[in-house]
N, C-alpha and C. Protein backbone atom coordinates (compact mmCIF):
# COMPACT_ATOMS: atom_id res chain seq x y z
N MET A 1 75.01 137.52 67.42
CA MET A 1 74.22 136.93 68.52
C MET A 1 74.50 137.62 69.84
N PHE A 2 73.59 137.80 70.72
CA PHE A 2 73.74 138.57 72.13
C PHE A 2 73.76 137.58 73.13
N PHE A 3 74.71 137.86 73.91
CA PHE A 3 75.23 136.58 75.12
C PHE A 3 74.88 137.52 76.36
N ASN A 4 74.37 136.89 77.38
CA ASN A 4 74.32 137.69 78.59
C ASN A 4 75.30 137.01 79.76
N GLU A 5 75.06 137.36 80.84
CA GLU A 5 76.13 136.49 82.02
C GLU A 5 75.70 135.25 82.24
N PHE A 6 74.49 134.99 82.04
CA PHE A 6 73.93 133.58 82.18
C PHE A 6 74.48 132.46 81.02
N ASP A 7 74.50 133.12 79.90
CA ASP A 7 74.95 132.15 78.62
C ASP A 7 76.54 132.16 78.91
N SER A 8 77.38 133.15 79.38
CA SER A 8 78.63 133.10 79.62
C SER A 8 78.99 131.94 80.68
N TYR A 9 78.29 132.03 81.67
CA TYR A 9 78.05 130.73 82.81
C TYR A 9 77.94 129.53 82.12
N MET A 10 76.90 129.37 81.38
CA MET A 10 76.88 128.12 80.82
C MET A 10 77.82 127.52 79.95
N CYS A 11 78.53 128.52 79.28
CA CYS A 11 79.67 128.08 78.61
C CYS A 11 80.85 127.42 79.50
N VAL A 12 81.09 128.06 80.46
CA VAL A 12 82.14 127.90 81.13
C VAL A 12 81.70 126.87 82.01
N GLY A 13 80.69 126.43 82.48
CA GLY A 13 80.07 125.30 83.14
C GLY A 13 80.26 124.00 82.38
N SER A 14 79.63 124.24 80.93
CA SER A 14 79.97 122.87 80.34
C SER A 14 81.45 122.50 80.22
N MET A 15 82.42 123.59 79.95
CA MET A 15 83.46 123.59 79.58
C MET A 15 84.32 122.67 80.82
N SER A 16 83.71 123.18 82.11
CA SER A 16 84.39 122.66 83.44
C SER A 16 83.86 121.02 83.49
N ARG A 17 82.79 120.87 83.06
CA ARG A 17 82.45 119.43 83.24
C ARG A 17 83.10 118.48 82.24
N GLY A 18 83.57 119.09 80.93
CA GLY A 18 84.77 118.21 80.24
C GLY A 18 85.77 117.99 80.98
N VAL A 19 86.25 119.03 81.51
CA VAL A 19 87.81 119.07 82.09
C VAL A 19 87.44 117.98 83.52
N LEU A 20 86.58 118.30 83.97
CA LEU A 20 86.04 117.31 85.31
C LEU A 20 86.01 115.93 84.69
N LYS A 21 85.81 115.60 83.56
CA LYS A 21 85.45 114.09 83.32
C LYS A 21 86.94 113.54 82.73
N GLU A 22 87.61 114.51 82.11
CA GLU A 22 89.19 114.05 82.11
C GLU A 22 89.79 113.94 83.38
N VAL A 23 89.70 115.04 84.38
CA VAL A 23 90.49 114.55 85.57
C VAL A 23 90.05 113.50 86.07
N LEU A 24 88.76 113.02 86.12
CA LEU A 24 88.17 111.57 86.64
C LEU A 24 88.92 110.55 86.05
N LYS A 25 89.14 110.29 84.53
CA LYS A 25 89.57 109.64 83.88
C LYS A 25 91.08 109.48 84.12
N GLU A 26 92.06 110.47 84.54
CA GLU A 26 93.36 110.46 84.91
C GLU A 26 93.30 109.71 86.51
N VAL A 27 92.34 110.29 87.38
CA VAL A 27 92.21 109.74 88.67
C VAL A 27 92.18 108.06 88.90
N ARG A 28 91.36 107.69 87.99
CA ARG A 28 91.24 106.31 87.80
C ARG A 28 92.32 105.55 87.31
N LEU A 29 93.01 106.13 86.35
CA LEU A 29 94.23 105.37 85.96
C LEU A 29 95.15 105.35 86.83
N VAL A 30 95.31 106.32 87.63
CA VAL A 30 96.58 106.59 88.86
C VAL A 30 96.04 105.53 89.60
N ARG A 31 94.56 105.37 89.94
CA ARG A 31 94.39 104.71 91.33
C ARG A 31 94.54 102.97 90.57
N GLU A 32 94.34 102.68 89.26
CA GLU A 32 94.45 101.38 88.96
C GLU A 32 96.09 100.94 89.11
N LYS A 33 97.10 102.18 88.97
CA LYS A 33 98.47 101.82 88.97
C LYS A 33 98.76 101.67 90.29
N VAL A 34 98.19 102.33 91.61
CA VAL A 34 98.58 102.50 92.64
C VAL A 34 98.04 100.89 93.18
N GLU A 35 96.91 100.57 92.85
CA GLU A 35 96.54 99.23 93.27
C GLU A 35 97.25 98.01 92.75
N ARG A 36 97.97 98.24 91.60
CA ARG A 36 98.73 97.31 91.28
C ARG A 36 100.27 97.10 91.69
N LEU A 37 100.55 98.37 92.15
CA LEU A 37 101.89 98.75 92.98
C LEU A 37 101.58 97.96 94.62
N GLU A 38 100.44 98.18 94.93
CA GLU A 38 100.17 97.52 96.28
C GLU A 38 99.96 95.81 96.26
N GLU A 39 99.53 95.49 95.14
CA GLU A 39 99.42 93.97 94.95
C GLU A 39 100.97 93.71 95.00
N LEU A 40 101.86 94.33 94.29
CA LEU A 40 103.39 93.85 93.99
C LEU A 40 103.88 93.88 95.50
N VAL A 41 103.82 95.06 96.24
CA VAL A 41 104.44 95.11 97.58
C VAL A 41 103.97 94.08 98.51
N GLU A 42 102.64 93.84 98.46
CA GLU A 42 102.14 92.66 99.32
C GLU A 42 102.63 91.01 99.19
N GLU A 43 102.68 91.05 97.88
CA GLU A 43 103.41 89.80 97.10
C GLU A 43 104.80 89.75 97.54
N ARG A 44 105.63 90.79 97.59
CA ARG A 44 107.00 90.72 97.99
C ARG A 44 107.06 90.74 99.74
N LEU A 45 106.08 91.36 100.36
CA LEU A 45 106.00 91.18 101.83
C LEU A 45 105.57 89.80 102.45
N VAL A 46 104.65 89.44 101.68
CA VAL A 46 104.08 88.18 102.29
C VAL A 46 104.99 86.85 101.97
N GLY A 47 105.59 87.12 100.84
CA GLY A 47 106.59 86.11 100.47
C GLY A 47 106.25 85.06 99.40
N LEU A 48 105.19 85.58 98.64
CA LEU A 48 104.64 84.64 97.44
C LEU A 48 105.54 84.50 96.61
N GLU A 49 106.64 85.66 96.56
CA GLU A 49 107.80 85.25 95.34
C GLU A 49 109.09 85.56 96.17
N GLU A 50 110.01 85.13 95.90
CA GLU A 50 111.10 85.18 96.21
C GLU A 50 111.83 86.51 96.01
N PRO A 51 112.74 86.95 96.93
CA PRO A 51 113.41 88.18 96.66
C PRO A 51 114.20 87.93 95.53
N LEU A 52 114.48 89.29 94.52
CA LEU A 52 115.67 89.23 93.83
C LEU A 52 116.97 89.38 94.35
N GLU A 53 117.70 88.77 93.39
CA GLU A 53 119.28 88.93 94.11
C GLU A 53 119.62 90.35 94.44
N ASP A 54 119.34 91.54 93.64
CA ASP A 54 119.65 92.62 94.10
C ASP A 54 119.00 93.17 95.08
N GLU A 55 117.73 92.67 95.26
CA GLU A 55 117.05 92.89 96.69
C GLU A 55 117.55 92.52 97.82
N VAL A 56 117.89 91.15 97.85
CA VAL A 56 118.88 90.66 98.91
C VAL A 56 120.00 91.36 99.23
N GLU A 57 120.77 91.63 98.12
CA GLU A 57 122.23 92.41 98.33
C GLU A 57 121.72 93.80 98.93
N ALA A 58 120.58 94.32 98.68
CA ALA A 58 120.28 95.69 99.41
C ALA A 58 119.97 95.75 100.79
N VAL A 59 119.25 94.54 101.22
CA VAL A 59 118.75 94.30 102.38
C VAL A 59 120.02 93.97 103.47
N LYS A 60 121.09 93.08 102.79
CA LYS A 60 122.48 92.95 103.60
C LYS A 60 123.04 94.17 103.62
N GLY A 61 123.16 95.12 102.57
CA GLY A 61 123.88 96.26 102.73
C GLY A 61 123.31 97.12 103.85
N TYR A 62 121.92 97.22 104.03
CA TYR A 62 121.15 98.26 105.04
C TYR A 62 121.36 97.20 106.24
N MET A 63 121.59 96.20 106.42
CA MET A 63 121.60 95.68 107.58
C MET A 63 122.89 95.90 108.16
N LYS A 64 124.13 95.73 107.44
CA LYS A 64 125.41 96.10 107.77
C LYS A 64 125.68 97.71 108.09
N ALA A 65 124.96 98.39 107.35
CA ALA A 65 125.25 99.99 107.68
C ALA A 65 124.23 100.23 108.92
N LYS A 66 123.26 99.61 109.13
CA LYS A 66 122.43 99.82 110.44
C LYS A 66 123.34 99.32 111.90
N LYS A 67 124.00 98.11 111.50
CA LYS A 67 124.57 97.63 112.46
C LYS A 67 125.68 98.41 112.94
N LYS A 68 126.50 99.06 111.97
CA LYS A 68 127.51 100.09 112.24
C LYS A 68 127.18 101.31 112.82
N GLY A 69 125.71 101.69 112.71
CA GLY A 69 125.52 102.91 112.95
C GLY A 69 125.56 104.23 111.93
N ASN A 70 125.51 103.62 110.47
CA ASN A 70 125.83 104.34 109.52
C ASN A 70 124.52 104.86 108.85
N VAL A 71 123.51 104.40 109.29
CA VAL A 71 121.86 104.71 108.70
C VAL A 71 121.43 105.98 109.39
N LYS A 72 120.96 106.68 108.47
CA LYS A 72 120.45 108.06 108.63
C LYS A 72 119.10 108.16 108.36
N LEU A 73 118.06 108.52 109.27
CA LEU A 73 116.75 108.22 108.91
C LEU A 73 116.37 109.89 108.57
N ILE A 74 115.63 110.19 107.47
CA ILE A 74 115.30 111.40 107.09
C ILE A 74 113.80 111.52 107.05
N PRO A 75 113.15 112.59 107.92
CA PRO A 75 111.65 112.72 107.62
C PRO A 75 111.34 112.86 106.29
N ILE A 76 110.42 112.50 105.87
CA ILE A 76 109.75 112.51 104.31
C ILE A 76 109.63 113.92 104.09
N GLU A 77 109.34 114.94 104.80
CA GLU A 77 109.37 116.33 104.56
C GLU A 77 110.60 116.97 104.09
N ASP A 78 111.74 116.46 104.55
CA ASP A 78 113.03 116.99 104.29
C ASP A 78 113.75 116.24 103.05
N VAL A 79 113.10 115.45 102.42
CA VAL A 79 113.55 114.77 101.19
C VAL A 79 113.46 115.51 100.05
N LYS A 80 112.50 116.25 100.07
CA LYS A 80 112.19 117.36 98.88
C LYS A 80 113.08 118.47 99.15
N LYS A 81 113.58 118.83 100.27
CA LYS A 81 114.38 119.95 100.34
C LYS A 81 115.97 119.73 99.85
N GLU A 82 116.12 118.06 100.15
CA GLU A 82 117.46 117.79 99.80
C GLU A 82 117.69 117.58 98.10
N THR A 83 116.89 117.15 97.38
CA THR A 83 116.79 117.18 96.19
C THR A 83 116.52 118.38 95.27
């Protein structure tokens, strides 16, 4: 069978369409998870649920360190560099 440039383009185009469908599926899954995480954050921040004991302890520890001046804020861009 003889293939020309157009046929090759069509094969790549249909393959790309399948890849795009798979990417779209993955993006939708990530979006669902992010939305759920947002719901959890809102529940905690609004106070619909009482904080867990370890969360209360973590906040107390942070407040003590902040009062002593031991809190060091790092720009998000620098976090990758340190890990």
